[in-house]
Amino acid sequence: MTDRVHAFAGIHNFRDYGGYRAADGRLRSGVLFRSGQHGAATPDDLSRFGGMGVATIIDLRGDVERRTMPCARPQGFSADVLFAPGETAGSELAPHEEAGRGIATADEARAAMTELYRNMPYRAVLVASLRLYFEALATRDGPTLIHCLAGKDRTGLAVALLHALTGVHHDDMMADYLLTNTAGDPEARIAAAAPSIRERYGPQLTEEAIRALMGVDARYLDTALASIAASHGDVTTYAEAVLGVDAARRAAIRERLIA
């Protein structure tokens, strides 16, 4: 699993989520990337990223996040950046920041994150963003990058949906999701976020609570998938009804991404 992680100094949680065995073969490697935001990217980071040939970026952040934390871009940047206007997290905050309101302990943090995941598949602006993501996968050439703020919640849901739709085994889907907890330098990522979280929500937050907010847990993703199952039966039906990923679009995605 660690072989798919790309270590950058200022871009956290950057990795390839292809390469898994799927229903009709294997997802291609080197064309499906995910990460956190790129606002703190170093010149070396940008040079390396620029050489990866990413043609399309799907930015799952909301308007406020994009305005206050703009992504740095490499010289000669020419990728198309797709996003839906509005707030994808239900407020101007990223999900892990939103979950920090009114909590102090790790157990409270995990409970808040779990509840956020229950509603995440149906947030209107995030749904619009996910529609752009699957349209891009079905119609656009070249490698893609999908990211949000930390690259773990909104991005984690999007990637899990693609894995489910292409027949990646649930165990591999979950392993990819949980890789956030060890990918790159998680300690640096947590340390970078801790001051702003404490400033927003107060010093009562324990270190364990911040770690719970900044990490992922299998229960979070399982809650989102259970919410989808309760409303639509399975991911395929949800994707068709909510995201517009019908049989033709699924076939186009398989044709482009599975070898």
Protein backbone atom coordinates (compact mmCIF):
# COMPACT_ATOMS: atom_id res chain seq x y z
CA MET A 1 0.00 0.00 0.00
CA THR A 2 2.78 2.45 0.82
CA ASP A 3 4.20 2.10 -2.70
CA ARG A 4 1.29 4.18 -4.00
CA VAL A 5 2.08 7.14 -1.73
CA HIS A 6 3.93 10.13 -3.23
CA ALA A 7 5.86 12.00 -0.56
CA PHE A 8 5.72 15.78 -0.94
CA ALA A 9 6.95 18.37 1.56
CA GLY A 10 3.89 20.63 1.41
CA ILE A 11 1.17 18.53 -0.22
CA HIS A 12 -0.29 16.03 2.22
CA ASN A 13 -1.92 12.68 1.55
CA PHE A 14 -0.92 12.49 -2.13
CA ARG A 15 -1.31 9.03 -3.60
CA ASP A 16 -2.31 6.85 -6.54
CA TYR A 17 -5.65 5.13 -5.99
CA GLY A 18 -5.46 3.00 -9.12
CA GLY A 19 -3.84 -0.40 -9.46
CA TYR A 20 -6.50 -2.37 -7.57
CA ARG A 21 -8.10 -5.46 -9.03
CA ALA A 22 -11.54 -4.58 -10.39
CA ALA A 23 -14.49 -6.48 -11.89
CA ASP A 24 -13.08 -6.73 -15.42
CA GLY A 25 -9.36 -6.44 -14.83
CA ARG A 26 -7.36 -3.91 -12.86
CA LEU A 27 -7.62 -0.15 -12.43
CA ARG A 28 -4.81 1.55 -14.29
CA SER A 29 -1.96 3.00 -12.25
CA GLY A 30 -0.54 6.44 -12.84
CA VAL A 31 -3.80 8.05 -13.94
CA LEU A 32 -5.84 8.34 -10.73
CA PHE A 33 -4.43 10.60 -8.03
CA ARG A 34 -5.85 12.00 -4.78
CA SER A 35 -4.48 14.46 -2.24
CA GLY A 36 -5.12 17.30 0.14
CA GLN A 37 -4.95 20.94 -0.95
CA HIS A 38 -1.78 22.36 -2.51
CA GLY A 39 -1.58 25.75 -0.80
CA ALA A 40 1.67 24.96 1.02
CA ALA A 41 3.38 23.22 -1.90
CA THR A 42 7.10 23.95 -2.16
CA PRO A 43 8.81 24.81 -5.47
CA ASP A 44 10.15 21.24 -5.60
CA ASP A 45 6.65 19.88 -4.93
CA LEU A 46 5.27 21.95 -7.79
CA SER A 47 8.02 20.86 -10.15
CA ARG A 48 7.38 17.20 -9.37
CA PHE A 49 3.62 17.59 -9.60
CA GLY A 50 3.94 19.43 -12.89
CA GLY A 51 5.81 16.46 -14.33
CA MET A 52 3.02 13.99 -13.53
CA GLY A 53 0.92 15.05 -16.51
CA VAL A 54 -2.30 15.68 -14.61
CA ALA A 55 -4.81 16.96 -17.16
CA THR A 56 -7.88 17.46 -14.95
CA ILE A 57 -8.24 18.45 -11.31
CA ILE A 58 -11.52 17.99 -9.46
CA ASP A 59 -11.57 20.32 -6.46
CA LEU A 60 -14.14 19.21 -3.90
CA ARG A 61 -13.61 22.19 -1.62
CA GLY A 62 -16.19 24.92 -1.15
CA ASP A 63 -15.96 28.53 -2.28
CA VAL A 64 -14.63 29.83 1.04
CA GLU A 65 -11.91 27.18 1.19
CA ARG A 66 -10.78 27.94 -2.37
CA ARG A 67 -10.75 31.67 -1.68
CA THR A 68 -8.89 31.54 1.64
CA MET A 69 -6.51 28.68 0.75
CA PRO A 70 -5.75 28.92 -2.97
CA CYS A 71 -3.71 26.08 -4.43
CA ALA A 72 -0.21 26.82 -5.69
CA ARG A 73 0.34 25.81 -9.32
CA PRO A 74 3.48 24.73 -11.20
CA GLN A 75 4.99 26.83 -13.94
CA GLY A 76 3.18 26.24 -17.23
CA PHE A 77 0.14 24.82 -15.45
CA SER A 78 -2.52 23.92 -18.00
CA ALA A 79 -4.81 21.39 -16.29
CA ASP A 80 -8.54 22.05 -16.23
CA VAL A 81 -9.82 22.63 -12.68
CA LEU A 82 -13.43 21.54 -12.13
CA PHE A 83 -15.58 22.50 -9.15
CA ALA A 84 -19.18 23.23 -8.27
CA PRO A 85 -19.86 26.67 -6.79
CA GLY A 86 -21.11 26.73 -3.20
CA GLU A 87 -20.12 24.98 0.00
CA THR A 88 -19.56 21.23 -0.28
CA ALA A 89 -19.32 20.57 3.45
CA GLY A 90 -22.65 22.02 4.53
CA SER A 91 -20.90 25.19 5.77
CA GLU A 92 -17.76 27.09 4.93
CA LEU A 93 -15.73 24.48 6.85
CA ALA A 94 -14.14 21.22 5.83
CA PRO A 95 -15.90 18.18 7.37
CA HIS A 96 -13.21 17.58 9.98
CA GLU A 97 -13.37 21.26 10.97
CA GLU A 98 -17.17 21.26 11.06
CA ALA A 99 -17.12 18.19 13.30
CA GLY A 100 -14.98 20.01 15.87
CA ARG A 101 -17.83 22.27 17.00
CA GLY A 102 -18.78 21.65 20.63
CA ILE A 103 -16.55 18.66 21.28
CA ALA A 104 -13.62 17.98 23.58
CA THR A 105 -12.79 14.27 23.56
CA ALA A 106 -11.78 11.71 20.94
CA ASP A 107 -15.03 9.78 21.43
CA GLU A 108 -17.03 12.95 20.78
CA ALA A 109 -14.90 13.69 17.71
CA ARG A 110 -15.49 10.22 16.27
CA ALA A 111 -19.23 10.46 16.93
CA ALA A 112 -19.40 13.86 15.19
CA MET A 113 -17.43 12.61 12.19
CA THR A 114 -19.65 9.55 11.91
CA GLU A 115 -22.76 11.72 11.84
CA LEU A 116 -21.25 13.96 9.17
CA TYR A 117 -20.62 10.94 6.96
CA ARG A 118 -24.24 9.86 7.30
CA ASN A 119 -25.35 12.95 5.37
CA MET A 120 -22.33 13.51 3.16
CA PRO A 121 -23.55 11.53 0.11
CA TYR A 122 -26.58 13.82 -0.17
CA ARG A 123 -25.11 17.30 0.31
CA ALA A 124 -26.24 19.22 -2.75
CA VAL A 125 -23.03 21.02 -3.73
CA LEU A 126 -20.91 17.94 -3.03
CA VAL A 127 -23.30 15.92 -5.21
CA ALA A 128 -22.76 18.47 -8.00
CA SER A 129 -19.01 18.13 -7.52
CA LEU A 130 -19.20 14.34 -7.65
CA ARG A 131 -21.18 14.59 -10.88
CA LEU A 132 -18.28 16.58 -12.37
CA TYR A 133 -15.84 13.94 -11.10
CA PHE A 134 -17.57 11.00 -12.73
CA GLU A 135 -18.19 12.94 -15.93
CA ALA A 136 -14.47 13.72 -16.09
CA LEU A 137 -13.53 10.07 -15.55
CA ALA A 138 -15.88 9.02 -18.36
CA THR A 139 -15.00 11.68 -20.93
CA ARG A 140 -11.57 13.23 -20.36
CA ASP A 141 -8.17 12.00 -21.41
CA GLY A 142 -5.07 12.06 -19.22
CA PRO A 143 -4.45 11.59 -15.51
CA THR A 144 -6.84 13.17 -13.01
CA LEU A 145 -6.38 14.46 -9.47
CA ILE A 146 -9.23 14.74 -6.98
CA HIS A 147 -8.70 16.64 -3.76
CA CYS A 148 -10.43 18.56 -0.97
CA LEU A 149 -8.82 20.27 2.02
CA ALA A 150 -7.22 17.32 3.83
CA GLY A 151 -7.90 14.76 1.10
CA LYS A 152 -9.60 12.34 3.45
CA ASP A 153 -13.37 12.82 3.85
CA ARG A 154 -14.97 14.26 0.69
CA THR A 155 -12.13 12.82 -1.37
CA GLY A 156 -12.32 9.54 0.53
CA LEU A 157 -16.02 9.19 -0.24
CA ALA A 158 -15.52 10.00 -3.93
CA VAL A 159 -12.74 7.46 -4.33
CA ALA A 160 -14.71 4.79 -2.46
CA LEU A 161 -17.65 5.34 -4.80
CA LEU A 162 -15.44 4.87 -7.86
CA HIS A 163 -13.93 1.74 -6.35
CA ALA A 164 -17.37 0.34 -5.63
CA LEU A 165 -18.66 1.12 -9.13
CA THR A 166 -15.69 -0.55 -10.81
CA GLY A 167 -15.85 -3.69 -8.68
CA VAL A 168 -12.85 -3.13 -6.42
CA HIS A 169 -13.17 -5.42 -3.42
CA HIS A 170 -14.51 -3.78 -0.27
CA ASP A 171 -11.35 -4.71 1.63
CA ASP A 172 -9.18 -2.88 -0.93
CA MET A 173 -11.58 0.06 -0.95
CA MET A 174 -11.35 0.34 2.82
CA ALA A 175 -7.58 -0.14 2.87
CA ASP A 176 -7.20 2.74 0.42
CA TYR A 177 -9.49 4.91 2.53
CA LEU A 178 -7.59 4.12 5.74
CA LEU A 179 -4.23 4.82 4.12
CA THR A 180 -4.85 8.47 5.07
CA ASN A 181 -3.80 7.55 8.61
CA THR A 182 -0.26 6.60 7.54
CA ALA A 183 0.33 8.19 4.11
CA GLY A 184 3.24 10.59 3.80
CA ASP A 185 3.84 12.46 7.05
CA PRO A 186 0.59 12.33 9.04
CA GLU A 187 2.26 13.91 12.06
CA ALA A 188 3.12 17.01 10.02
CA ARG A 189 -0.43 17.13 8.66
CA ILE A 190 -1.95 16.93 12.14
CA ALA A 191 0.48 19.49 13.55
CA ALA A 192 -0.31 21.90 10.73
CA ALA A 193 -4.06 21.70 11.36
CA ALA A 194 -4.10 21.61 15.17
CA PRO A 195 -3.61 25.35 15.86
CA SER A 196 -6.44 26.47 13.57
CA ILE A 197 -8.80 23.82 14.96
CA ARG A 198 -8.03 24.86 18.56
CA GLU A 199 -8.33 28.54 17.66
CA ARG A 200 -11.76 27.93 16.15
CA TYR A 201 -13.14 25.58 18.80
CA GLY A 202 -11.16 26.27 21.95
CA PRO A 203 -8.36 24.77 24.04
CA GLN A 204 -10.64 22.11 25.54
CA LEU A 205 -9.96 19.86 22.53
CA THR A 206 -7.63 17.07 23.59
CA GLU A 207 -4.75 15.91 21.42
CA GLU A 208 -6.63 12.65 20.89
CA ALA A 209 -9.71 14.57 19.71
CA ILE A 210 -7.68 16.47 17.11
CA ARG A 211 -6.15 13.22 15.91
CA ALA A 212 -9.62 11.73 15.56
CA LEU A 213 -10.74 14.75 13.52
CA MET A 214 -7.68 14.64 11.30
CA GLY A 215 -7.71 10.89 10.73
CA VAL A 216 -10.19 8.45 9.26
CA ASP A 217 -12.01 5.47 10.75
CA ALA A 218 -13.67 2.54 9.00
CA ARG A 219 -16.89 3.41 10.81
CA TYR A 220 -17.04 6.77 9.01
CA LEU A 221 -17.03 5.30 5.51
CA ASP A 222 -19.24 2.38 6.56
CA THR A 223 -21.78 4.93 7.83
CA ALA A 224 -21.84 6.74 4.47
CA LEU A 225 -22.24 3.45 2.59
CA ALA A 226 -25.00 2.34 4.99
CA SER A 227 -26.81 5.63 4.39
CA ILE A 228 -26.61 5.02 0.65
CA ALA A 229 -27.87 1.46 1.08
CA ALA A 230 -30.78 2.61 3.24
CA SER A 231 -31.94 5.13 0.64
CA HIS A 232 -31.05 3.41 -2.65
CA GLY A 233 -30.15 -0.20 -1.93
CA ASP A 234 -26.62 -0.09 -3.34
CA VAL A 235 -23.94 2.25 -4.68
CA THR A 236 -24.80 1.56 -8.33
CA THR A 237 -28.43 2.61 -7.88
CA TYR A 238 -27.39 5.66 -5.84
CA ALA A 239 -24.82 6.70 -8.45
CA GLU A 240 -27.36 6.43 -11.25
CA ALA A 241 -30.18 8.21 -9.40
CA VAL A 242 -28.17 10.92 -7.63
CA LEU A 243 -24.93 11.34 -9.59
CA GLY A 244 -26.12 10.57 -13.12
CA VAL A 245 -23.72 7.65 -13.50
CA ASP A 246 -25.89 5.42 -15.69
CA ALA A 247 -24.90 2.21 -17.46
CA ALA A 248 -23.37 4.07 -20.40
CA ARG A 249 -21.26 6.26 -18.12
CA ARG A 250 -20.12 3.25 -16.09
CA ALA A 251 -19.09 1.51 -19.31
CA ALA A 252 -17.14 4.58 -20.44
CA ILE A 253 -15.34 4.75 -17.09
CA ARG A 254 -14.44 1.07 -17.28
CA GLU A 255 -13.19 1.48 -20.84
CA ARG A 256 -10.87 4.31 -19.85
CA LEU A 257 -9.67 3.10 -16.46
CA ILE A 258 -9.58 -0.69 -16.45
CA ALA A 259 -6.84 -2.63 -18.21
